PDB file of N, CA and C in Angstrom:
ATOM      1  N   UNK A   1      69.339 107.407  71.624  1.00  0.00           N
ATOM      2  CA  UNK A   1      70.053 106.810  71.461  1.00  0.00           C
ATOM      3  C   UNK A   1      70.225 105.676  72.461  1.00  0.00           C
ATOM      4  N   UNK A   2      70.049 104.508  71.202  1.00  0.00           N
ATOM      5  CA  UNK A   2      70.058 103.061  71.580  1.00  0.00           C
ATOM      6  C   UNK A   2      70.970 102.159  72.414  1.00  0.00           C
ATOM      7  N   UNK A   3      70.937 101.602  73.436  1.00  0.00           N
ATOM      8  CA  UNK A   3      72.558 100.835  73.439  1.00  0.00           C
ATOM      9  C   UNK A   3      73.265  99.827  72.597  1.00  0.00           C
ATOM     10  N   UNK A   4      73.814  99.439  72.216  1.00  0.00           N
ATOM     11  CA  UNK A   4      74.085  98.114  71.340  1.00  0.00           C
ATOM     12  C   UNK A   4      74.164  97.130  72.485  1.00  0.00           C
ATOM     13  N   UNK A   5      73.253  96.550  72.609  1.00  0.00           N
ATOM     14  CA  UNK A   5      74.548  94.911  73.136  1.00  0.00           C
ATOM     15  C   UNK A   5      75.024  94.382  73.211  1.00  0.00           C
ATOM     16  N   UNK A   6      76.120  94.018  73.274  1.00  0.00           N
ATOM     17  CA  UNK A   6      77.526  93.422  72.838  1.00  0.00           C
ATOM     18  C   UNK A   6      77.706  91.878  73.034  1.00  0.00           C
ATOM     19  N   UNK A   7      77.519  91.474  72.066  1.00  0.00           N
ATOM     20  CA  UNK A   7      77.261  90.001  72.446  1.00  0.00           C
ATOM     21  C   UNK A   7      78.360  89.209  72.377  1.00  0.00           C
ATOM     22  N   UNK A   8      78.359  88.447  73.417  1.00  0.00           N
ATOM     23  CA  UNK A   8      79.569  87.646  73.498  1.00  0.00           C
ATOM     24  C   UNK A   8      80.328  86.548  72.760  1.00  0.00           C
ATOM     25  N   UNK A   9      80.783  86.269  72.236  1.00  0.00           N
ATOM     26  CA  UNK A   9      81.723  85.294  71.651  1.00  0.00           C
ATOM     27  C   UNK A   9      82.777  84.593  72.238  1.00  0.00           C
ATOM     28  N   UNK A  10      82.484  82.871  72.638  1.00  0.00           N
ATOM     29  CA  UNK A  10      83.297  82.371  73.339  1.00  0.00           C
ATOM     30  C   UNK A  10      84.564  81.994  72.561  1.00  0.00           C
ATOM     31  N   UNK A  11      85.319  82.522  73.093  1.00  0.00           N
ATOM     32  CA  UNK A  11      87.062  82.067  72.073  1.00  0.00           C
ATOM     33  C   UNK A  11      86.959  80.997  72.413  1.00  0.00           C
ATOM     34  N   UNK A  12      86.616  80.239  73.379  1.00  0.00           N
ATOM     35  CA  UNK A  12      87.815  78.657  73.681  1.00  0.00           C
ATOM     36  C   UNK A  12      86.543  77.850  72.962  1.00  0.00           C
ATOM     37  N   UNK A  13      85.422  77.903  72.424  1.00  0.00           N
ATOM     38  CA  UNK A  13      85.008  77.475  71.171  1.00  0.00           C
ATOM     39  C   UNK A  13      85.252  77.272  69.321  1.00  0.00           C
ATOM     40  N   UNK A  14      86.105  78.178  69.617  1.00  0.00           N
ATOM     41  CA  UNK A  14      86.696  78.033  68.136  1.00  0.00           C
ATOM     42  C   UNK A  14      87.521  77.469  67.756  1.00  0.00           C
ATOM     43  N   UNK A  15      87.411  76.523  66.640  1.00  0.00           N
ATOM     44  CA  UNK A  15      88.383  75.298  66.152  1.00  0.00           C
ATOM     45  C   UNK A  15      89.364  75.531  66.080  1.00  0.00           C
ATOM     46  N   UNK A  16      90.487  76.692  65.911  1.00  0.00           N
ATOM     47  CA  UNK A  16      91.484  77.274  65.231  1.00  0.00           C
ATOM     48  C   UNK A  16      92.146  77.339  67.490  1.00  0.00           C
ATOM     49  N   UNK A  17      91.179  77.677  68.665  1.00  0.00           N
ATOM     50  CA  UNK A  17      91.882  77.662  69.802  1.00  0.00           C
ATOM     51  C   UNK A  17      91.962  76.315  70.506  1.00  0.00           C
ATOM     52  N   UNK A  18      93.269  76.016  70.419  1.00  0.00           N
ATOM     53  CA  UNK A  18      93.396  74.700  71.609  1.00  0.00           C
ATOM     54  C   UNK A  18      92.702  74.945  73.026  1.00  0.00           C
ATOM     55  N   UNK A  19      92.099  73.666  73.271  1.00  0.00           N
ATOM     56  CA  UNK A  19      92.200  73.788  74.821  1.00  0.00           C
ATOM     57  C   UNK A  19      92.553  74.036  76.168  1.00  0.00           C
ATOM     58  N   UNK A  20      91.737  75.164  77.030  1.00  0.00           N
ATOM     59  CA  UNK A  20      93.020  75.643  78.239  1.00  0.00           C
ATOM     60  C   UNK A  20      92.230  75.183  79.073  1.00  0.00           C
ATOM     61  N   UNK A  21      93.024  74.859  80.298  1.00  0.00           N
ATOM     62  CA  UNK A  21      92.678  74.435  81.360  1.00  0.00           C
ATOM     63  C   UNK A  21      93.346  74.985  82.497  1.00  0.00           C
ATOM     64  N   UNK A  22      92.631  75.487  83.366  1.00  0.00           N
ATOM     65  CA  UNK A  22      93.382  76.269  84.466  1.00  0.00           C
ATOM     66  C   UNK A  22      93.780  75.456  85.649  1.00  0.00           C
ATOM     67  N   UNK A  23      94.940  74.905  86.272  1.00  0.00           N
ATOM     68  CA  UNK A  23      95.265  73.651  87.071  1.00  0.00           C
ATOM     69  C   UNK A  23      95.076  74.582  88.864  1.00  0.00           C
ATOM     70  N   UNK A  24      93.952  73.650  89.257  1.00  0.00           N
ATOM     71  CA  UNK A  24      94.312  74.064  90.511  1.00  0.00           C
ATOM     72  C   UNK A  24      95.836  73.552  91.510  1.00  0.00           C
ATOM     73  N   UNK A  25      95.752  74.104  92.136  1.00  0.00           N
ATOM     74  CA  UNK A  25      97.072  74.019  92.980  1.00  0.00           C
ATOM     75  C   UNK A  25      98.120  73.088  92.886  1.00  0.00           C
ATOM     76  N   UNK A  26      97.125  72.082  93.898  1.00  0.00           N
ATOM     77  CA  UNK A  26      97.909  70.330  93.271  1.00  0.00           C
ATOM     78  C   UNK A  26      97.637  69.995  92.411  1.00  0.00           C
ATOM     79  N   UNK A  27      97.430  69.708  91.621  1.00  0.00           N
ATOM     80  CA  UNK A  27      97.676  70.411  90.043  1.00  0.00           C
ATOM     81  C   UNK A  27      99.078  70.526  89.334  1.00  0.00           C
ATOM     82  N   UNK A  28      98.973  71.880  89.637  1.00  0.00           N
ATOM     83  CA  UNK A  28     100.547  72.961  89.439  1.00  0.00           C
ATOM     84  C   UNK A  28     101.432  72.491  89.962  1.00  0.00           C
ATOM     85  N   UNK A  29     101.439  71.866  91.246  1.00  0.00           N
ATOM     86  CA  UNK A  29     102.651  71.128  92.381  1.00  0.00           C
ATOM     87  C   UNK A  29     102.847  70.166  91.295  1.00  0.00           C
ATOM     88  N   UNK A  30     101.712  69.468  91.075  1.00  0.00           N
ATOM     89  CA  UNK A  30     102.523  67.856  90.888  1.00  0.00           C
ATOM     90  C   UNK A  30     103.661  68.065  89.063  1.00  0.00           C
ATOM     91  N   UNK A  31     102.870  68.685  87.734  1.00  0.00           N
ATOM     92  CA  UNK A  31     103.581  69.513  86.974  1.00  0.00           C
ATOM     93  C   UNK A  31     104.719  70.012  87.282  1.00  0.00           C
ATOM     94  N   UNK A  32     104.957  70.518  88.365  1.00  0.00           N
ATOM     95  CA  UNK A  32     106.247  71.127  89.062  1.00  0.00           C
ATOM     96  C   UNK A  32     107.511  70.420  89.263  1.00  0.00           C
ATOM     97  N   UNK A  33     106.551  69.740  90.433  1.00  0.00           N
ATOM     98  CA  UNK A  33     107.656  68.203  90.468  1.00  0.00           C
ATOM     99  C   UNK A  33     107.878  67.372  89.457  1.00  0.00           C
ATOM    100  N   UNK A  34     107.381  67.476  88.253  1.00  0.00           N
ATOM    101  CA  UNK A  34     107.413  65.715  87.283  1.00  0.00           C
ATOM    102  C   UNK A  34     108.524  66.386  86.803  1.00  0.00           C
ATOM    103  N   UNK A  35     108.877  68.234  86.127  1.00  0.00           N
ATOM    104  CA  UNK A  35     109.435  68.611  85.289  1.00  0.00           C
ATOM    105  C   UNK A  35     110.782  68.906  86.317  1.00  0.00           C
ATOM    106  N   UNK A  36     110.579  69.371  87.284  1.00  0.00           N
ATOM    107  CA  UNK A  36     111.413  69.746  88.877  1.00  0.00           C
ATOM    108  C   UNK A  36     112.007  70.816  88.028  1.00  0.00           C
ATOM    109  N   UNK A  37     111.107  71.668  88.029  1.00  0.00           N
ATOM    110  CA  UNK A  37     111.357  73.130  87.504  1.00  0.00           C
ATOM    111  C   UNK A  37     110.572  73.912  88.867  1.00  0.00           C
ATOM    112  N   UNK A  38     110.666  75.530  88.495  1.00  0.00           N
ATOM    113  CA  UNK A  38     110.286  76.498  89.154  1.00  0.00           C
ATOM    114  C   UNK A  38     108.772  77.067  88.174  1.00  0.00           C
ATOM    115  N   UNK A  39     107.972  77.730  88.599  1.00  0.00           N
ATOM    116  CA  UNK A  39     106.931  78.224  87.429  1.00  0.00           C
ATOM    117  C   UNK A  39     107.354  78.905  86.759  1.00  0.00           C
ATOM    118  N   UNK A  40     108.464  79.832  87.108  1.00  0.00           N
ATOM    119  CA  UNK A  40     108.926  80.763  86.217  1.00  0.00           C
ATOM    120  C   UNK A  40     109.945  80.758  84.930  1.00  0.00           C
ATOM    121  N   UNK A  41     109.775  79.169  84.740  1.00  0.00           N
ATOM    122  CA  UNK A  41     111.049  78.280  83.424  1.00  0.00           C
ATOM    123  C   UNK A  41     109.687  78.030  82.853  1.00  0.00           C
ATOM    124  N   UNK A  42     108.709  78.168  83.091  1.00  0.00           N
ATOM    125  CA  UNK A  42     107.581  77.815  81.750  1.00  0.00           C
ATOM    126  C   UNK A  42     107.450  79.080  81.196  1.00  0.00           C
ATOM    127  N   UNK A  43     107.083  78.715  79.937  1.00  0.00           N
ATOM    128  CA  UNK A  43     106.805  79.929  78.573  1.00  0.00           C
ATOM    129  C   UNK A  43     106.167  80.761  79.225  1.00  0.00           C
ATOM    130  N   UNK A  44     105.332  81.720  79.649  1.00  0.00           N
ATOM    131  CA  UNK A  44     104.878  82.669  79.896  1.00  0.00           C
ATOM    132  C   UNK A  44     103.279  82.751  78.691  1.00  0.00           C
ATOM    133  N   UNK A  45     102.161  82.936  79.388  1.00  0.00           N
ATOM    134  CA  UNK A  45     101.012  83.916  79.085  1.00  0.00           C
ATOM    135  C   UNK A  45     100.053  84.413  79.944  1.00  0.00           C
ATOM    136  N   UNK A  46      99.877  85.856  78.932  1.00  0.00           N
ATOM    137  CA  UNK A  46      99.920  86.851  79.580  1.00  0.00           C
ATOM    138  C   UNK A  46      98.671  86.999  80.738  1.00  0.00           C
ATOM    139  N   UNK A  47      97.900  87.485  81.487  1.00  0.00           N
ATOM    140  CA  UNK A  47      97.172  87.391  81.840  1.00  0.00           C
ATOM    141  C   UNK A  47      95.546  88.051  81.635  1.00  0.00           C
ATOM    142  N   UNK A  48      96.124  88.770  80.550  1.00  0.00           N
ATOM    143  CA  UNK A  48      95.049  89.295  78.891  1.00  0.00           C
ATOM    144  C   UNK A  48      94.786  88.647  77.979  1.00  0.00           C
ATOM    145  N   UNK A  49      95.578  87.776  77.748  1.00  0.00           N
ATOM    146  CA  UNK A  49      95.357  86.938  77.114  1.00  0.00           C
ATOM    147  C   UNK A  49      94.000  86.570  76.848  1.00  0.00           C
ATOM    148  N   UNK A  50      93.554  86.691  75.484  1.00  0.00           N
ATOM    149  CA  UNK A  50      91.683  85.884  75.575  1.00  0.00           C
ATOM    150  C   UNK A  50      91.629  85.091  76.043  1.00  0.00           C
ATOM    151  N   UNK A  51      92.665  84.158  75.857  1.00  0.00           N
ATOM    152  CA  UNK A  51      91.937  82.415  75.871  1.00  0.00           C
ATOM    153  C   UNK A  51      92.164  82.875  77.922  1.00  0.00           C
ATOM    154  N   UNK A  52      93.246  83.141  78.156  1.00  0.00           N
ATOM    155  CA  UNK A  52      93.373  83.014  79.573  1.00  0.00           C
ATOM    156  C   UNK A  52      92.036  84.023  80.420  1.00  0.00           C
ATOM    157  N   UNK A  53      91.793  84.608  80.135  1.00  0.00           N
ATOM    158  CA  UNK A  53      90.878  86.198  80.404  1.00  0.00           C
ATOM    159  C   UNK A  53      89.492  84.713  80.497  1.00  0.00           C
ATOM    160  N   UNK A  54      89.103  84.343  79.287  1.00  0.00           N
ATOM    161  CA  UNK A  54      88.244  83.276  79.022  1.00  0.00           C
ATOM    162  C   UNK A  54      87.593  82.255  80.791  1.00  0.00           C
ATOM    163  N   UNK A  55      89.033  81.661  80.488  1.00  0.00           N
ATOM    164  CA  UNK A  55      89.405  80.645  82.080  1.00  0.00           C
ATOM    165  C   UNK A  55      89.194  81.422  83.724  1.00  0.00           C
ATOM    166  N   UNK A  56      89.351  82.321  83.691  1.00  0.00           N
ATOM    167  CA  UNK A  56      89.493  83.069  84.622  1.00  0.00           C
ATOM    168  C   UNK A  56      90.935  83.013  85.189  1.00  0.00           C
ATOM    169  N   UNK A  57      91.856  83.018  84.442  1.00  0.00           N
ATOM    170  CA  UNK A  57      93.488  82.401  84.848  1.00  0.00           C
ATOM    171  C   UNK A  57      94.057  84.316  85.168  1.00  0.00           C
ATOM    172  N   UNK A  58      94.593  83.735  86.799  1.00  0.00           N
ATOM    173  CA  UNK A  58      95.286  85.517  87.242  1.00  0.00           C
ATOM    174  C   UNK A  58      96.933  84.913  87.453  1.00  0.00           C
ATOM    175  N   UNK A  59      97.634  86.215  87.458  1.00  0.00           N
ATOM    176  CA  UNK A  59      98.876  86.163  87.616  1.00  0.00           C
ATOM    177  C   UNK A  59      99.719  84.907  88.826  1.00  0.00           C
ATOM    178  N   UNK A  60     100.198  83.974  88.429  1.00  0.00           N
ATOM    179  CA  UNK A  60     100.624  83.072  89.142  1.00  0.00           C
ATOM    180  C   UNK A  60     100.053  81.543  89.194  1.00  0.00           C
ATOM    181  N   UNK A  61      99.269  81.685  87.907  1.00  0.00           N
ATOM    182  CA  UNK A  61      98.480  80.132  88.070  1.00  0.00           C
ATOM    183  C   UNK A  61      99.260  79.787  86.755  1.00  0.00           C
ATOM    184  N   UNK A  62      98.945  77.901  86.843  1.00  0.00           N
ATOM    185  CA  UNK A  62      99.146  77.369  85.997  1.00  0.00           C
ATOM    186  C   UNK A  62      98.630  77.279  85.075  1.00  0.00           C
ATOM    187  N   UNK A  63      98.264  77.414  83.113  1.00  0.00           N
ATOM    188  CA  UNK A  63      97.672  77.071  82.733  1.00  0.00           C
ATOM    189  C   UNK A  63      97.788  75.498  81.550  1.00  0.00           C
ATOM    190  N   UNK A  64      97.743  74.456  81.314  1.00  0.00           N
ATOM    191  CA  UNK A  64      97.551  73.175  80.821  1.00  0.00           C
ATOM    192  C   UNK A  64      97.277  73.706  79.368  1.00  0.00           C
ATOM    193  N   UNK A  65      97.710  73.547  78.560  1.00  0.00           N
ATOM    194  CA  UNK A  65      97.144  73.896  76.504  1.00  0.00           C
ATOM    195  C   UNK A  65      96.833  72.196  75.908  1.00  0.00           C
ATOM    196  N   UNK A  66      96.455  72.151  75.535  1.00  0.00           N
ATOM    197  CA  UNK A  66      96.429  70.448  74.750  1.00  0.00           C
ATOM    198  C   UNK A  66      95.270  70.963  73.576  1.00  0.00           C
ATOM    199  N   UNK A  67      96.915  70.863  72.478  1.00  0.00           N
ATOM    200  CA  UNK A  67      96.243  70.805  71.295  1.00  0.00           C
ATOM    201  C   UNK A  67      96.759  69.791  70.726  1.00  0.00           C
ATOM    202  N   UNK A  68      95.420  69.704  69.671  1.00  0.00           N
ATOM    203  CA  UNK A  68      95.662  68.398  68.779  1.00  0.00           C
ATOM    204  C   UNK A  68      96.065  68.529  67.554  1.00  0.00           C
ATOM    205  N   UNK A  69      97.524  67.018  67.183  1.00  0.00           N
ATOM    206  CA  UNK A  69      98.544  66.893  67.054  1.00  0.00           C
ATOM    207  C   UNK A  69      97.629  65.480  66.286  1.00  0.00           C
ATOM    208  N   UNK A  70      98.558  65.894  64.504  1.00  0.00           N
ATOM    209  CA  UNK A  70      98.857  64.784  63.564  1.00  0.00           C
ATOM    210  C   UNK A  70      99.201  63.502  63.877  1.00  0.00           C
ATOM    211  N   UNK A  71     100.490  63.579  64.260  1.00  0.00           N
ATOM    212  CA  UNK A  71     101.171  62.700  64.750  1.00  0.00           C
ATOM    213  C   UNK A  71     101.314  62.323  66.439  1.00  0.00           C
ATOM    214  N   UNK A  72     101.395  62.913  67.428  1.00  0.00           N
ATOM    215  CA  UNK A  72     100.972  62.834  68.536  1.00  0.00           C
ATOM    216  C   UNK A  72      99.850  62.221  68.490  1.00  0.00           C
ATOM    217  N   UNK A  73      98.879  63.121  68.163  1.00  0.00           N
ATOM    218  CA  UNK A  73      97.373  63.060  68.902  1.00  0.00           C
ATOM    219  C   UNK A  73      97.246  63.672  69.304  1.00  0.00           C
ATOM    220  N   UNK A  74      97.722  64.200  70.478  1.00  0.00           N
ATOM    221  CA  UNK A  74      97.394  65.317  71.422  1.00  0.00           C
ATOM    222  C   UNK A  74      98.692  66.028  71.884  1.00  0.00           C
ATOM    223  N   UNK A  75      98.950  67.007  72.279  1.00  0.00           N
ATOM    224  CA  UNK A  75     100.128  67.523  72.575  1.00  0.00           C
ATOM    225  C   UNK A  75      99.764  68.550  73.753  1.00  0.00           C
ATOM    226  N   UNK A  76     100.601  68.341  74.766  1.00  0.00           N
ATOM    227  CA  UNK A  76     100.103  69.287  75.988  1.00  0.00           C
ATOM    228  C   UNK A  76     101.643  70.339  76.306  1.00  0.00           C
ATOM    229  N   UNK A  77     101.175  71.201  76.593  1.00  0.00           N
ATOM    230  CA  UNK A  77     101.986  72.398  76.948  1.00  0.00           C
ATOM    231  C   UNK A  77     101.538  73.333  78.266  1.00  0.00           C
ATOM    232  N   UNK A  78     102.323  73.713  78.860  1.00  0.00           N
ATOM    233  CA  UNK A  78     101.911  74.115  80.534  1.00  0.00           C
ATOM    234  C   UNK A  78     102.641  75.604  80.331  1.00  0.00           C
ATOM    235  N   UNK A  79     101.594  76.411  80.628  1.00  0.00           N
ATOM    236  CA  UNK A  79     102.285  78.004  80.119  1.00  0.00           C
ATOM    237  C   UNK A  79     101.584  78.970  81.671  1.00  0.00           C
ATOM    238  N   UNK A  80     102.670  79.995  82.124  1.00  0.00           N
ATOM    239  CA  UNK A  80     102.813  80.486  83.087  1.00  0.00           C
ATOM    240  C   UNK A  80     102.124  81.759  83.420  1.00  0.00           C
ATOM    241  N   UNK A  81     101.319  82.334  84.040  1.00  0.00           N
ATOM    242  CA  UNK A  81     100.345  83.183  83.621  1.00  0.00           C
ATOM    243  C   UNK A  81     101.235  84.662  84.721  1.00  0.00           C
ATOM    244  N   UNK A  82     101.273  85.304  83.868  1.00  0.00           N
ATOM    245  CA  UNK A  82     102.586  86.620  84.668  1.00  0.00           C
ATOM    246  C   UNK A  82     101.123  88.230  84.110  1.00  0.00           C
ATOM    247  N   UNK A  83     101.430  89.481  84.763  1.00  0.00           N
ATOM    248  CA  UNK A  83     101.198  90.013  84.654  1.00  0.00           C
ATOM    249  C   UNK A  83     100.979  90.877  82.524  1.00  0.00           C
ATOM    250  N   UNK A  84      99.539  91.228  82.072  1.00  0.00           N
ATOM    251  CA  UNK A  84     100.057  91.885  81.405  1.00  0.00           C
ATOM    252  C   UNK A  84      98.069  92.225  80.435  1.00  0.00           C
TER     253      UNK A  84
END
């Protein structure tokens, strides 16, 4: 039996997937301070989400998501990475 080589598809390159950016500790603290919130108050994204896996997000991290918007130009959202 010949092993099939699995081709890797970079999900972040797809036109319908918004840009996902893993924030470092300093950037994450700045976001939390700006909005005066705790990490668990952000919407969640599971660590098993394909985009979260692609950027190496681990539970406890914060991900910045940048979407294109026809009215605002770009819309920024933040997600707290949880186990899953």
